[in-house]
Amino acid sequence: MDAQLMDRLQQRHTAVWNEKDRTKRDALMQTIYADDIKMYDKEFILSGITAVSDFIDTLFADDADFSFTPIQPMESTQNGARLYWTIRTGPQPNVLTGMDFFVVENDKVAHLFVFMDAL
């Protein structure tokens, strides 16, 4: 995966997960996620951009102070990439950490695996 694609993916993925405005977020998602993206979490699997955006809506509904921040540059191998991140929540921020692993097909994320570190 070339450096330009990785930079674009990291910047836009971060913007997607921090964007409260659904219209803006959905437009950003179209630029980096495949329409039929699969997002895998320990507890569930989401299919499609709409389902992922719905999930992000619930995060903001539960916590208006939700903030997603990469903690190191994205790394890639072949058509995969990983991004380590933190999430701050609440007025007295709790910090969650984890990693997203992306499988990229045709320059868009086809599969997104979310790993949350234990609290």
PDB file of N, CA and C in Angstrom:
ATOM      1  N   MET A   1       0.856  -1.170   0.000  1.00  0.00           N
ATOM      2  CA  MET A   1       0.000   0.000   0.000  1.00  0.00           C
ATOM      3  C   MET A   1       0.906   1.238   0.000  1.00  0.00           C
ATOM      4  N   ASP A   2       0.648   2.183  -0.886  1.00  0.00           N
ATOM      5  CA  ASP A   2       1.535   3.341  -0.972  1.00  0.00           C
ATOM      6  C   ASP A   2       1.259   4.349   0.149  1.00  0.00           C
ATOM      7  N   ALA A   3       2.272   5.186   0.409  1.00  0.00           N
ATOM      8  CA  ALA A   3       2.214   6.138   1.520  1.00  0.00           C
ATOM      9  C   ALA A   3       1.073   7.141   1.365  1.00  0.00           C
ATOM     10  N   GLN A   4       0.789   7.558   0.139  1.00  0.00           N
ATOM     11  CA  GLN A   4      -0.279   8.531  -0.093  1.00  0.00           C
ATOM     12  C   GLN A   4      -1.637   7.940   0.294  1.00  0.00           C
ATOM     13  N   LEU A   5      -1.894   6.691  -0.074  1.00  0.00           N
ATOM     14  CA  LEU A   5      -3.148   6.039   0.295  1.00  0.00           C
ATOM     15  C   LEU A   5      -3.233   5.871   1.804  1.00  0.00           C
ATOM     16  N   MET A   6      -2.129   5.494   2.446  1.00  0.00           N
ATOM     17  CA  MET A   6      -2.141   5.343   3.906  1.00  0.00           C
ATOM     18  C   MET A   6      -2.425   6.658   4.604  1.00  0.00           C
ATOM     19  N   ASP A   7      -1.807   7.734   4.158  1.00  0.00           N
ATOM     20  CA  ASP A   7      -2.047   9.048   4.758  1.00  0.00           C
ATOM     21  C   ASP A   7      -3.512   9.452   4.605  1.00  0.00           C
ATOM     22  N   ARG A   8      -4.035   9.273   3.395  1.00  0.00           N
ATOM     23  CA  ARG A   8      -5.438   9.624   3.154  1.00  0.00           C
ATOM     24  C   ARG A   8      -6.365   8.772   4.020  1.00  0.00           C
ATOM     25  N   LEU A   9      -6.087   7.494   4.105  1.00  0.00           N
ATOM     26  CA  LEU A   9      -6.906   6.597   4.905  1.00  0.00           C
ATOM     27  C   LEU A   9      -6.887   7.003   6.378  1.00  0.00           C
ATOM     28  N   GLN A  10      -5.704   7.277   6.940  1.00  0.00           N
ATOM     29  CA  GLN A  10      -5.625   7.662   8.345  1.00  0.00           C
ATOM     30  C   GLN A  10      -6.361   8.975   8.608  1.00  0.00           C
ATOM     31  N   GLN A  11      -6.132   9.967   7.760  1.00  0.00           N
ATOM     32  CA  GLN A  11      -6.776  11.274   7.964  1.00  0.00           C
ATOM     33  C   GLN A  11      -8.296  11.167   7.863  1.00  0.00           C
ATOM     34  N   ARG A  12      -8.784  10.496   6.854  1.00  0.00           N
ATOM     35  CA  ARG A  12     -10.229  10.434   6.656  1.00  0.00           C
ATOM     36  C   ARG A  12     -10.907   9.491   7.645  1.00  0.00           C
ATOM     37  N   HIS A  13     -10.258   8.393   8.000  1.00  0.00           N
ATOM     38  CA  HIS A  13     -10.821   7.490   9.008  1.00  0.00           C
ATOM     39  C   HIS A  13     -10.970   8.240  10.332  1.00  0.00           C
ATOM     40  N   THR A  14      -9.953   8.989  10.711  1.00  0.00           N
ATOM     41  CA  THR A  14     -10.018   9.793  11.934  1.00  0.00           C
ATOM     42  C   THR A  14     -11.138  10.816  11.836  1.00  0.00           C
ATOM     43  N   ALA A  15     -11.242  11.485  10.714  1.00  0.00           N
ATOM     44  CA  ALA A  15     -12.305  12.483  10.525  1.00  0.00           C
ATOM     45  C   ALA A  15     -13.687  11.845  10.601  1.00  0.00           C
ATOM     46  N   VAL A  16     -13.858  10.675   9.996  1.00  0.00           N
ATOM     47  CA  VAL A  16     -15.149   9.976  10.031  1.00  0.00           C
ATOM     48  C   VAL A  16     -15.577   9.725  11.464  1.00  0.00           C
ATOM     49  N   TRP A  17     -14.671   9.197  12.283  1.00  0.00           N
ATOM     50  CA  TRP A  17     -15.032   8.797  13.647  1.00  0.00           C
ATOM     51  C   TRP A  17     -15.172   9.983  14.591  1.00  0.00           C
ATOM     52  N   ASN A  18     -14.776  11.177  14.150  1.00  0.00           N
ATOM     53  CA  ASN A  18     -14.957  12.384  14.964  1.00  0.00           C
ATOM     54  C   ASN A  18     -16.065  13.295  14.447  1.00  0.00           C
ATOM     55  N   GLU A  19     -16.640  12.974  13.299  1.00  0.00           N
ATOM     56  CA  GLU A  19     -17.638  13.852  12.662  1.00  0.00           C
ATOM     57  C   GLU A  19     -19.034  13.604  13.231  1.00  0.00           C
ATOM     58  N   LYS A  20     -19.594  14.629  13.856  1.00  0.00           N
ATOM     59  CA  LYS A  20     -20.936  14.528  14.443  1.00  0.00           C
ATOM     60  C   LYS A  20     -22.037  14.733  13.407  1.00  0.00           C
ATOM     61  N   ASP A  21     -21.747  15.491  12.367  1.00  0.00           N
ATOM     62  CA  ASP A  21     -22.744  15.772  11.333  1.00  0.00           C
ATOM     63  C   ASP A  21     -22.864  14.573  10.397  1.00  0.00           C
ATOM     64  N   ARG A  22     -24.016  13.937  10.408  1.00  0.00           N
ATOM     65  CA  ARG A  22     -24.218  12.693   9.654  1.00  0.00           C
ATOM     66  C   ARG A  22     -23.973  12.884   8.154  1.00  0.00           C
ATOM     67  N   THR A  23     -24.433  13.968   7.584  1.00  0.00           N
ATOM     68  CA  THR A  23     -24.268  14.206   6.150  1.00  0.00           C
ATOM     69  C   THR A  23     -22.794  14.315   5.781  1.00  0.00           C
ATOM     70  N   LYS A  24     -22.038  15.081   6.568  1.00  0.00           N
ATOM     71  CA  LYS A  24     -20.599  15.223   6.302  1.00  0.00           C
ATOM     72  C   LYS A  24     -19.886  13.891   6.501  1.00  0.00           C
ATOM     73  N   ARG A  25     -20.247  13.183   7.574  1.00  0.00           N
ATOM     74  CA  ARG A  25     -19.604  11.899   7.854  1.00  0.00           C
ATOM     75  C   ARG A  25     -19.854  10.900   6.729  1.00  0.00           C
ATOM     76  N   ASP A  26     -21.101  10.796   6.280  1.00  0.00           N
ATOM     77  CA  ASP A  26     -21.421   9.849   5.214  1.00  0.00           C
ATOM     78  C   ASP A  26     -20.673  10.178   3.923  1.00  0.00           C
ATOM     79  N   ALA A  27     -20.505  11.459   3.630  1.00  0.00           N
ATOM     80  CA  ALA A  27     -19.745  11.857   2.437  1.00  0.00           C
ATOM     81  C   ALA A  27     -18.276  11.442   2.576  1.00  0.00           C
ATOM     82  N   LEU A  28     -17.698  11.639   3.764  1.00  0.00           N
ATOM     83  CA  LEU A  28     -16.319  11.208   4.001  1.00  0.00           C
ATOM     84  C   LEU A  28     -16.190   9.692   3.887  1.00  0.00           C
ATOM     85  N   MET A  29     -17.162   8.983   4.418  1.00  0.00           N
ATOM     86  CA  MET A  29     -17.115   7.522   4.387  1.00  0.00           C
ATOM     87  C   MET A  29     -17.083   7.000   2.958  1.00  0.00           C
ATOM     88  N   GLN A  30     -17.817   7.627   2.071  1.00  0.00           N
ATOM     89  CA  GLN A  30     -17.859   7.202   0.669  1.00  0.00           C
ATOM     90  C   GLN A  30     -16.481   7.270   0.015  1.00  0.00           C
ATOM     91  N   THR A  31     -15.603   8.142   0.525  1.00  0.00           N
ATOM     92  CA  THR A  31     -14.295   8.316  -0.091  1.00  0.00           C
ATOM     93  C   THR A  31     -13.280   7.253   0.315  1.00  0.00           C
ATOM     94  N   ILE A  32     -13.512   6.559   1.443  1.00  0.00           N
ATOM     95  CA  ILE A  32     -12.510   5.588   1.907  1.00  0.00           C
ATOM     96  C   ILE A  32     -13.064   4.203   2.198  1.00  0.00           C
ATOM     97  N   TYR A  33     -14.367   4.065   2.393  1.00  0.00           N
ATOM     98  CA  TYR A  33     -14.954   2.764   2.709  1.00  0.00           C
ATOM     99  C   TYR A  33     -15.742   2.240   1.524  1.00  0.00           C
ATOM    100  N   ALA A  34     -15.625   0.934   1.271  1.00  0.00           N
ATOM    101  CA  ALA A  34     -16.462   0.296   0.254  1.00  0.00           C
ATOM    102  C   ALA A  34     -17.913   0.354   0.710  1.00  0.00           C
ATOM    103  N   ASP A  35     -18.834   0.443  -0.238  1.00  0.00           N
ATOM    104  CA  ASP A  35     -20.260   0.507   0.110  1.00  0.00           C
ATOM    105  C   ASP A  35     -20.687  -0.668   0.980  1.00  0.00           C
ATOM    106  N   ASP A  36     -20.093  -1.834   0.730  1.00  0.00           N
ATOM    107  CA  ASP A  36     -20.470  -3.039   1.471  1.00  0.00           C
ATOM    108  C   ASP A  36     -19.441  -3.401   2.545  1.00  0.00           C
ATOM    109  N   ILE A  37     -18.768  -2.387   3.109  1.00  0.00           N
ATOM    110  CA  ILE A  37     -17.775  -2.606   4.156  1.00  0.00           C
ATOM    111  C   ILE A  37     -18.340  -3.503   5.261  1.00  0.00           C
ATOM    112  N   LYS A  38     -17.478  -4.323   5.813  1.00  0.00           N
ATOM    113  CA  LYS A  38     -17.814  -5.121   6.989  1.00  0.00           C
ATOM    114  C   LYS A  38     -16.954  -4.608   8.135  1.00  0.00           C
ATOM    115  N   MET A  39     -17.595  -4.278   9.259  1.00  0.00           N
ATOM    116  CA  MET A  39     -16.882  -3.858  10.461  1.00  0.00           C
ATOM    117  C   MET A  39     -17.064  -4.940  11.507  1.00  0.00           C
ATOM    118  N   TYR A  40     -15.939  -5.465  11.994  1.00  0.00           N
ATOM    119  CA  TYR A  40     -15.949  -6.568  12.943  1.00  0.00           C
ATOM    120  C   TYR A  40     -15.529  -6.069  14.317  1.00  0.00           C
ATOM    121  N   ASP A  41     -16.371  -6.271  15.291  1.00  0.00           N
ATOM    122  CA  ASP A  41     -16.102  -5.959  16.682  1.00  0.00           C
ATOM    123  C   ASP A  41     -16.186  -7.275  17.456  1.00  0.00           C
ATOM    124  N   LYS A  42     -15.690  -7.301  18.659  1.00  0.00           N
ATOM    125  CA  LYS A  42     -15.761  -8.510  19.481  1.00  0.00           C
ATOM    126  C   LYS A  42     -17.207  -8.971  19.688  1.00  0.00           C
ATOM    127  N   GLU A  43     -18.127  -8.009  19.757  1.00  0.00           N
ATOM    128  CA  GLU A  43     -19.523  -8.296  20.080  1.00  0.00           C
ATOM    129  C   GLU A  43     -20.463  -8.367  18.879  1.00  0.00           C
ATOM    130  N   PHE A  44     -20.063  -7.811  17.731  1.00  0.00           N
ATOM    131  CA  PHE A  44     -20.983  -7.712  16.603  1.00  0.00           C
ATOM    132  C   PHE A  44     -20.247  -7.527  15.290  1.00  0.00           C
ATOM    133  N   ILE A  45     -20.988  -7.674  14.200  1.00  0.00           N
ATOM    134  CA  ILE A  45     -20.494  -7.379  12.849  1.00  0.00           C
ATOM    135  C   ILE A  45     -21.495  -6.431  12.200  1.00  0.00           C
ATOM    136  N   LEU A  46     -20.997  -5.353  11.628  1.00  0.00           N
ATOM    137  CA  LEU A  46     -21.841  -4.406  10.893  1.00  0.00           C
ATOM    138  C   LEU A  46     -21.560  -4.550   9.410  1.00  0.00           C
ATOM    139  N   SER A  47     -22.585  -4.418   8.595  1.00  0.00           N
ATOM    140  CA  SER A  47     -22.442  -4.514   7.145  1.00  0.00           C
ATOM    141  C   SER A  47     -22.942  -3.251   6.474  1.00  0.00           C
ATOM    142  N   GLY A  48     -22.073  -2.602   5.723  1.00  0.00           N
ATOM    143  CA  GLY A  48     -22.448  -1.430   4.941  1.00  0.00           C
ATOM    144  C   GLY A  48     -22.157  -0.116   5.639  1.00  0.00           C
ATOM    145  N   ILE A  49     -21.961   0.905   4.821  1.00  0.00           N
ATOM    146  CA  ILE A  49     -21.655   2.245   5.320  1.00  0.00           C
ATOM    147  C   ILE A  49     -22.750   2.761   6.243  1.00  0.00           C
ATOM    148  N   THR A  50     -24.001   2.539   5.894  1.00  0.00           N
ATOM    149  CA  THR A  50     -25.102   3.044   6.717  1.00  0.00           C
ATOM    150  C   THR A  50     -25.048   2.460   8.118  1.00  0.00           C
ATOM    151  N   ALA A  51     -24.804   1.172   8.237  1.00  0.00           N
ATOM    152  CA  ALA A  51     -24.748   0.533   9.555  1.00  0.00           C
ATOM    153  C   ALA A  51     -23.589   1.087  10.385  1.00  0.00           C
ATOM    154  N   VAL A  52     -22.440   1.305   9.758  1.00  0.00           N
ATOM    155  CA  VAL A  52     -21.296   1.858  10.482  1.00  0.00           C
ATOM    156  C   VAL A  52     -21.600   3.288  10.923  1.00  0.00           C
ATOM    157  N   SER A  53     -22.188   4.084  10.056  1.00  0.00           N
ATOM    158  CA  SER A  53     -22.534   5.459  10.413  1.00  0.00           C
ATOM    159  C   SER A  53     -23.593   5.487  11.519  1.00  0.00           C
ATOM    160  N   ASP A  54     -24.550   4.571  11.467  1.00  0.00           N
ATOM    161  CA  ASP A  54     -25.549   4.459  12.547  1.00  0.00           C
ATOM    162  C   ASP A  54     -24.858   4.183  13.874  1.00  0.00           C
ATOM    163  N   PHE A  55     -23.872   3.301  13.867  1.00  0.00           N
ATOM    164  CA  PHE A  55     -23.133   2.973  15.080  1.00  0.00           C
ATOM    165  C   PHE A  55     -22.410   4.209  15.619  1.00  0.00           C
ATOM    166  N   ILE A  56     -21.775   4.973  14.743  1.00  0.00           N
ATOM    167  CA  ILE A  56     -21.087   6.196  15.180  1.00  0.00           C
ATOM    168  C   ILE A  56     -22.098   7.176  15.782  1.00  0.00           C
ATOM    169  N   ASP A  57     -23.292   7.274  15.197  1.00  0.00           N
ATOM    170  CA  ASP A  57     -24.352   8.116  15.780  1.00  0.00           C
ATOM    171  C   ASP A  57     -24.633   7.723  17.222  1.00  0.00           C
ATOM    172  N   THR A  58     -24.672   6.421  17.499  1.00  0.00           N
ATOM    173  CA  THR A  58     -24.964   5.982  18.875  1.00  0.00           C
ATOM    174  C   THR A  58     -23.845   6.383  19.827  1.00  0.00           C
ATOM    175  N   LEU A  59     -22.603   6.400  19.348  1.00  0.00           N
ATOM    176  CA  LEU A  59     -21.498   6.821  20.206  1.00  0.00           C
ATOM    177  C   LEU A  59     -21.660   8.280  20.620  1.00  0.00           C
ATOM    178  N   PHE A  60     -22.021   9.139  19.665  1.00  0.00           N
ATOM    179  CA  PHE A  60     -22.219  10.548  19.981  1.00  0.00           C
ATOM    180  C   PHE A  60     -23.479  10.762  20.812  1.00  0.00           C
ATOM    181  N   ALA A  61     -24.506   9.953  20.606  1.00  0.00           N
ATOM    182  CA  ALA A  61     -25.731  10.064  21.400  1.00  0.00           C
ATOM    183  C   ALA A  61     -25.449   9.703  22.858  1.00  0.00           C
ATOM    184  N   ASP A  62     -24.592   8.704  23.051  1.00  0.00           N
ATOM    185  CA  ASP A  62     -24.238   8.273  24.406  1.00  0.00           C
ATOM    186  C   ASP A  62     -23.255   9.225  25.075  1.00  0.00           C
ATOM    187  N   ASP A  63     -22.428   9.919  24.276  1.00  0.00           N
ATOM    188  CA  ASP A  63     -21.379  10.770  24.839  1.00  0.00           C
ATOM    189  C   ASP A  63     -20.979  11.842  23.824  1.00  0.00           C
ATOM    190  N   ALA A  64     -21.476  13.050  24.035  1.00  0.00           N
ATOM    191  CA  ALA A  64     -21.190  14.154  23.108  1.00  0.00           C
ATOM    192  C   ALA A  64     -19.709  14.522  23.091  1.00  0.00           C
ATOM    193  N   ASP A  65     -18.951  14.120  24.120  1.00  0.00           N
ATOM    194  CA  ASP A  65     -17.529  14.438  24.198  1.00  0.00           C
ATOM    195  C   ASP A  65     -16.636  13.353  23.580  1.00  0.00           C
ATOM    196  N   PHE A  66     -17.231  12.367  22.938  1.00  0.00           N
ATOM    197  CA  PHE A  66     -16.486  11.279  22.300  1.00  0.00           C
ATOM    198  C   PHE A  66     -15.438  11.860  21.357  1.00  0.00           C
ATOM    199  N   SER A  67     -14.197  11.359  21.460  1.00  0.00           N
ATOM    200  CA  SER A  67     -13.110  11.845  20.612  1.00  0.00           C
ATOM    201  C   SER A  67     -12.165  10.690  20.267  1.00  0.00           C
ATOM    202  N   PHE A  68     -11.893  10.504  18.973  1.00  0.00           N
ATOM    203  CA  PHE A  68     -11.058   9.431  18.440  1.00  0.00           C
ATOM    204  C   PHE A  68      -9.745  10.035  17.962  1.00  0.00           C
ATOM    205  N   THR A  69      -8.597   9.523  18.473  1.00  0.00           N
ATOM    206  CA  THR A  69      -7.306  10.088  18.125  1.00  0.00           C
ATOM    207  C   THR A  69      -6.277   8.991  17.850  1.00  0.00           C
ATOM    208  N   PRO A  70      -5.641   9.011  16.682  1.00  0.00           N
ATOM    209  CA  PRO A  70      -4.539   8.071  16.434  1.00  0.00           C
ATOM    210  C   PRO A  70      -3.391   8.356  17.400  1.00  0.00           C
ATOM    211  N   ILE A  71      -2.678   7.304  17.823  1.00  0.00           N
ATOM    212  CA  ILE A  71      -1.552   7.517  18.731  1.00  0.00           C
ATOM    213  C   ILE A  71      -0.207   7.227  18.069  1.00  0.00           C
ATOM    214  N   GLN A  72      -0.232   6.727  16.852  1.00  0.00           N
ATOM    215  CA  GLN A  72       0.993   6.571  16.065  1.00  0.00           C
ATOM    216  C   GLN A  72       0.597   6.448  14.607  1.00  0.00           C
ATOM    217  N   PRO A  73       1.530   6.705  13.697  1.00  0.00           N
ATOM    218  CA  PRO A  73       1.195   6.622  12.278  1.00  0.00           C
ATOM    219  C   PRO A  73       0.746   5.215  11.874  1.00  0.00           C
ATOM    220  N   MET A  74      -0.119   5.162  10.902  1.00  0.00           N
ATOM    221  CA  MET A  74      -0.609   3.903  10.362  1.00  0.00           C
ATOM    222  C   MET A  74       0.544   3.121   9.757  1.00  0.00           C
ATOM    223  N   GLU A  75       0.482   1.801   9.901  1.00  0.00           N
ATOM    224  CA  GLU A  75       1.458   0.900   9.295  1.00  0.00           C
ATOM    225  C   GLU A  75       0.725  -0.027   8.349  1.00  0.00           C
ATOM    226  N   SER A  76       1.414  -0.435   7.264  1.00  0.00           N
ATOM    227  CA  SER A  76       0.736  -1.308   6.304  1.00  0.00           C
ATOM    228  C   SER A  76       1.592  -2.497   5.926  1.00  0.00           C
ATOM    229  N   THR A  77       0.902  -3.488   5.403  1.00  0.00           N
ATOM    230  CA  THR A  77       1.533  -4.663   4.814  1.00  0.00           C
ATOM    231  C   THR A  77       0.611  -5.154   3.708  1.00  0.00           C
ATOM    232  N   GLN A  78       1.136  -5.236   2.507  1.00  0.00           N
ATOM    233  CA  GLN A  78       0.340  -5.652   1.350  1.00  0.00           C
ATOM    234  C   GLN A  78      -0.955  -4.828   1.273  1.00  0.00           C
ATOM    235  N   ASN A  79      -2.126  -5.469   1.390  1.00  0.00           N
ATOM    236  CA  ASN A  79      -3.393  -4.728   1.308  1.00  0.00           C
ATOM    237  C   ASN A  79      -4.041  -4.574   2.681  1.00  0.00           C
ATOM    238  N   GLY A  80      -3.219  -4.626   3.729  1.00  0.00           N
ATOM    239  CA  GLY A  80      -3.717  -4.432   5.088  1.00  0.00           C
ATOM    240  C   GLY A  80      -3.004  -3.277   5.758  1.00  0.00           C
ATOM    241  N   ALA A  81      -3.647  -2.702   6.755  1.00  0.00           N
ATOM    242  CA  ALA A  81      -3.040  -1.612   7.512  1.00  0.00           C
ATOM    243  C   ALA A  81      -3.599  -1.634   8.931  1.00  0.00           C
ATOM    244  N   ARG A  82      -2.797  -1.130   9.872  1.00  0.00           N
ATOM    245  CA  ARG A  82      -3.278  -1.040  11.247  1.00  0.00           C
ATOM    246  C   ARG A  82      -3.059   0.368  11.768  1.00  0.00           C
ATOM    247  N   LEU A  83      -3.953   0.758  12.657  1.00  0.00           N
ATOM    248  CA  LEU A  83      -3.911   2.083  13.255  1.00  0.00           C
ATOM    249  C   LEU A  83      -4.220   1.946  14.737  1.00  0.00           C
ATOM    250  N   TYR A  84      -3.262   2.356  15.583  1.00  0.00           N
ATOM    251  CA  TYR A  84      -3.473   2.367  17.027  1.00  0.00           C
ATOM    252  C   TYR A  84      -4.079   3.706  17.416  1.00  0.00           C
ATOM    253  N   TRP A  85      -5.016   3.699  18.377  1.00  0.00           N
ATOM    254  CA  TRP A  85      -5.779   4.897  18.692  1.00  0.00           C
ATOM    255  C   TRP A  85      -6.173   4.947  20.166  1.00  0.00           C
ATOM    256  N   THR A  86      -6.667   6.121  20.563  1.00  0.00           N
ATOM    257  CA  THR A  86      -7.308   6.302  21.864  1.00  0.00           C
ATOM    258  C   THR A  86      -8.676   6.917  21.621  1.00  0.00           C
ATOM    259  N   ILE A  87      -9.569   6.646  22.542  1.00  0.00           N
ATOM    260  CA  ILE A  87     -10.888   7.281  22.549  1.00  0.00           C
ATOM    261  C   ILE A  87     -11.056   7.928  23.913  1.00  0.00           C
ATOM    262  N   ARG A  88     -11.415   9.182  23.889  1.00  0.00           N
ATOM    263  CA  ARG A  88     -11.720   9.895  25.138  1.00  0.00           C
ATOM    264  C   ARG A  88     -13.234  10.055  25.206  1.00  0.00           C
ATOM    265  N   THR A  89     -13.757   9.805  26.387  1.00  0.00           N
ATOM    266  CA  THR A  89     -15.204   9.901  26.579  1.00  0.00           C
ATOM    267  C   THR A  89     -15.514  10.667  27.849  1.00  0.00           C
ATOM    268  N   GLY A  90     -16.653  11.325  27.861  1.00  0.00           N
ATOM    269  CA  GLY A  90     -17.164  11.963  29.065  1.00  0.00           C
ATOM    270  C   GLY A  90     -16.472  13.252  29.431  1.00  0.00           C
ATOM    271  N   PRO A  91     -17.104  14.022  30.333  1.00  0.00           N
ATOM    272  CA  PRO A  91     -16.528  15.291  30.768  1.00  0.00           C
ATOM    273  C   PRO A  91     -15.230  15.089  31.558  1.00  0.00           C
ATOM    274  N   GLN A  92     -15.117  13.997  32.295  1.00  0.00           N
ATOM    275  CA  GLN A  92     -13.872  13.585  32.944  1.00  0.00           C
ATOM    276  C   GLN A  92     -13.343  12.432  32.097  1.00  0.00           C
ATOM    277  N   PRO A  93     -12.546  12.732  31.077  1.00  0.00           N
ATOM    278  CA  PRO A  93     -12.231  11.724  30.065  1.00  0.00           C
ATOM    279  C   PRO A  93     -11.719  10.395  30.611  1.00  0.00           C
ATOM    280  N   ASN A  94     -12.373   9.362  30.174  1.00  0.00           N
ATOM    281  CA  ASN A  94     -11.858   8.009  30.326  1.00  0.00           C
ATOM    282  C   ASN A  94     -11.138   7.727  29.023  1.00  0.00           C
ATOM    283  N   VAL A  95     -10.052   7.031  29.096  1.00  0.00           N
ATOM    284  CA  VAL A  95      -9.315   6.743  27.883  1.00  0.00           C
ATOM    285  C   VAL A  95      -9.416   5.253  27.570  1.00  0.00           C
ATOM    286  N   LEU A  96      -9.903   4.963  26.387  1.00  0.00           N
ATOM    287  CA  LEU A  96      -9.920   3.608  25.865  1.00  0.00           C
ATOM    288  C   LEU A  96      -8.852   3.554  24.789  1.00  0.00           C
ATOM    289  N   THR A  97      -8.204   2.428  24.647  1.00  0.00           N
ATOM    290  CA  THR A  97      -7.198   2.277  23.599  1.00  0.00           C
ATOM    291  C   THR A  97      -7.516   1.044  22.777  1.00  0.00           C
ATOM    292  N   GLY A  98      -6.985   1.028  21.582  1.00  0.00           N
ATOM    293  CA  GLY A  98      -7.217  -0.118  20.724  1.00  0.00           C
ATOM    294  C   GLY A  98      -6.506   0.033  19.400  1.00  0.00           C
ATOM    295  N   MET A  99      -6.894  -0.839  18.480  1.00  0.00           N
ATOM    296  CA  MET A  99      -6.294  -0.851  17.161  1.00  0.00           C
ATOM    297  C   MET A  99      -7.365  -1.197  16.140  1.00  0.00           C
ATOM    298  N   ASP A 100      -7.324  -0.529  15.015  1.00  0.00           N
ATOM    299  CA  ASP A 100      -8.156  -0.879  13.871  1.00  0.00           C
ATOM    300  C   ASP A 100      -7.256  -1.539  12.840  1.00  0.00           C
ATOM    301  N   PHE A 101      -7.736  -2.647  12.283  1.00  0.00           N
ATOM    302  CA  PHE A 101      -7.014  -3.309  11.194  1.00  0.00           C
ATOM    303  C   PHE A 101      -7.892  -3.238   9.962  1.00  0.00           C
ATOM    304  N   PHE A 102      -7.341  -2.724   8.872  1.00  0.00           N
ATOM    305  CA  PHE A 102      -8.069  -2.493   7.631  1.00  0.00           C
ATOM    306  C   PHE A 102      -7.619  -3.484   6.561  1.00  0.00           C
ATOM    307  N   VAL A 103      -8.559  -4.017   5.823  1.00  0.00           N
ATOM    308  CA  VAL A 103      -8.252  -4.762   4.601  1.00  0.00           C
ATOM    309  C   VAL A 103      -8.761  -3.889   3.458  1.00  0.00           C
ATOM    310  N   VAL A 104      -7.845  -3.503   2.587  1.00  0.00           N
ATOM    311  CA  VAL A 104      -8.151  -2.566   1.516  1.00  0.00           C
ATOM    312  C   VAL A 104      -8.240  -3.317   0.185  1.00  0.00           C
ATOM    313  N   GLU A 105      -9.328  -3.066  -0.523  1.00  0.00           N
ATOM    314  CA  GLU A 105      -9.530  -3.624  -1.858  1.00  0.00           C
ATOM    315  C   GLU A 105      -9.958  -2.491  -2.779  1.00  0.00           C
ATOM    316  N   ASN A 106      -9.312  -2.362  -3.920  1.00  0.00           N
ATOM    317  CA  ASN A 106      -9.622  -1.293  -4.883  1.00  0.00           C
ATOM    318  C   ASN A 106      -9.562   0.085  -4.235  1.00  0.00           C
ATOM    319  N   ASP A 107      -8.527   0.301  -3.411  1.00  0.00           N
ATOM    320  CA  ASP A 107      -8.259   1.582  -2.735  1.00  0.00           C
ATOM    321  C   ASP A 107      -9.333   2.004  -1.734  1.00  0.00           C
ATOM    322  N   LYS A 108     -10.179   1.075  -1.297  1.00  0.00           N
ATOM    323  CA  LYS A 108     -11.176   1.382  -0.261  1.00  0.00           C
ATOM    324  C   LYS A 108     -11.178   0.275   0.788  1.00  0.00           C
ATOM    325  N   VAL A 109     -11.552   0.654   2.008  1.00  0.00           N
ATOM    326  CA  VAL A 109     -11.598  -0.319   3.099  1.00  0.00           C
ATOM    327  C   VAL A 109     -12.786  -1.247   2.882  1.00  0.00           C
ATOM    328  N   ALA A 110     -12.495  -2.531   2.722  1.00  0.00           N
ATOM    329  CA  ALA A 110     -13.544  -3.538   2.555  1.00  0.00           C
ATOM    330  C   ALA A 110     -13.883  -4.195   3.885  1.00  0.00           C
ATOM    331  N   HIS A 111     -12.869  -4.312   4.757  1.00  0.00           N
ATOM    332  CA  HIS A 111     -13.055  -4.942   6.064  1.00  0.00           C
ATOM    333  C   HIS A 111     -12.337  -4.097   7.117  1.00  0.00           C
ATOM    334  N   LEU A 112     -13.019  -3.851   8.231  1.00  0.00           N
ATOM    335  CA  LEU A 112     -12.462  -3.087   9.345  1.00  0.00           C
ATOM    336  C   LEU A 112     -12.620  -3.917  10.617  1.00  0.00           C
ATOM    337  N   PHE A 113     -11.493  -4.354  11.170  1.00  0.00           N
ATOM    338  CA  PHE A 113     -11.485  -5.138  12.403  1.00  0.00           C
ATOM    339  C   PHE A 113     -11.123  -4.203  13.549  1.00  0.00           C
ATOM    340  N   VAL A 114     -11.965  -4.134  14.572  1.00  0.00           N
ATOM    341  CA  VAL A 114     -11.762  -3.224  15.699  1.00  0.00           C
ATOM    342  C   VAL A 114     -11.353  -4.045  16.915  1.00  0.00           C
ATOM    343  N   PHE A 115     -10.196  -3.706  17.474  1.00  0.00           N
ATOM    344  CA  PHE A 115      -9.691  -4.363  18.682  1.00  0.00           C
ATOM    345  C   PHE A 115      -9.629  -3.340  19.801  1.00  0.00           C
ATOM    346  N   MET A 116     -10.363  -3.591  20.877  1.00  0.00           N
ATOM    347  CA  MET A 116     -10.338  -2.710  22.051  1.00  0.00           C
ATOM    348  C   MET A 116      -9.464  -3.370  23.102  1.00  0.00           C
ATOM    349  N   ASP A 117      -8.568  -2.586  23.720  1.00  0.00           N
ATOM    350  CA  ASP A 117      -7.756  -3.111  24.813  1.00  0.00           C
ATOM    351  C   ASP A 117      -8.626  -3.225  26.065  1.00  0.00           C
ATOM    352  N   ALA A 118      -8.317  -4.187  26.920  1.00  0.00           N
ATOM    353  CA  ALA A 118      -9.060  -4.371  28.163  1.00  0.00           C
ATOM    354  C   ALA A 118      -8.877  -3.153  29.061  1.00  0.00           C
ATOM    355  N   LEU A 119      -9.927  -2.813  29.768  1.00  0.00           N
ATOM    356  CA  LEU A 119      -9.843  -1.674  30.710  1.00  0.00           C
ATOM    357  C   LEU A 119      -9.221  -2.107  32.010  1.00  0.00           C
TER     358      LEU A 119
END
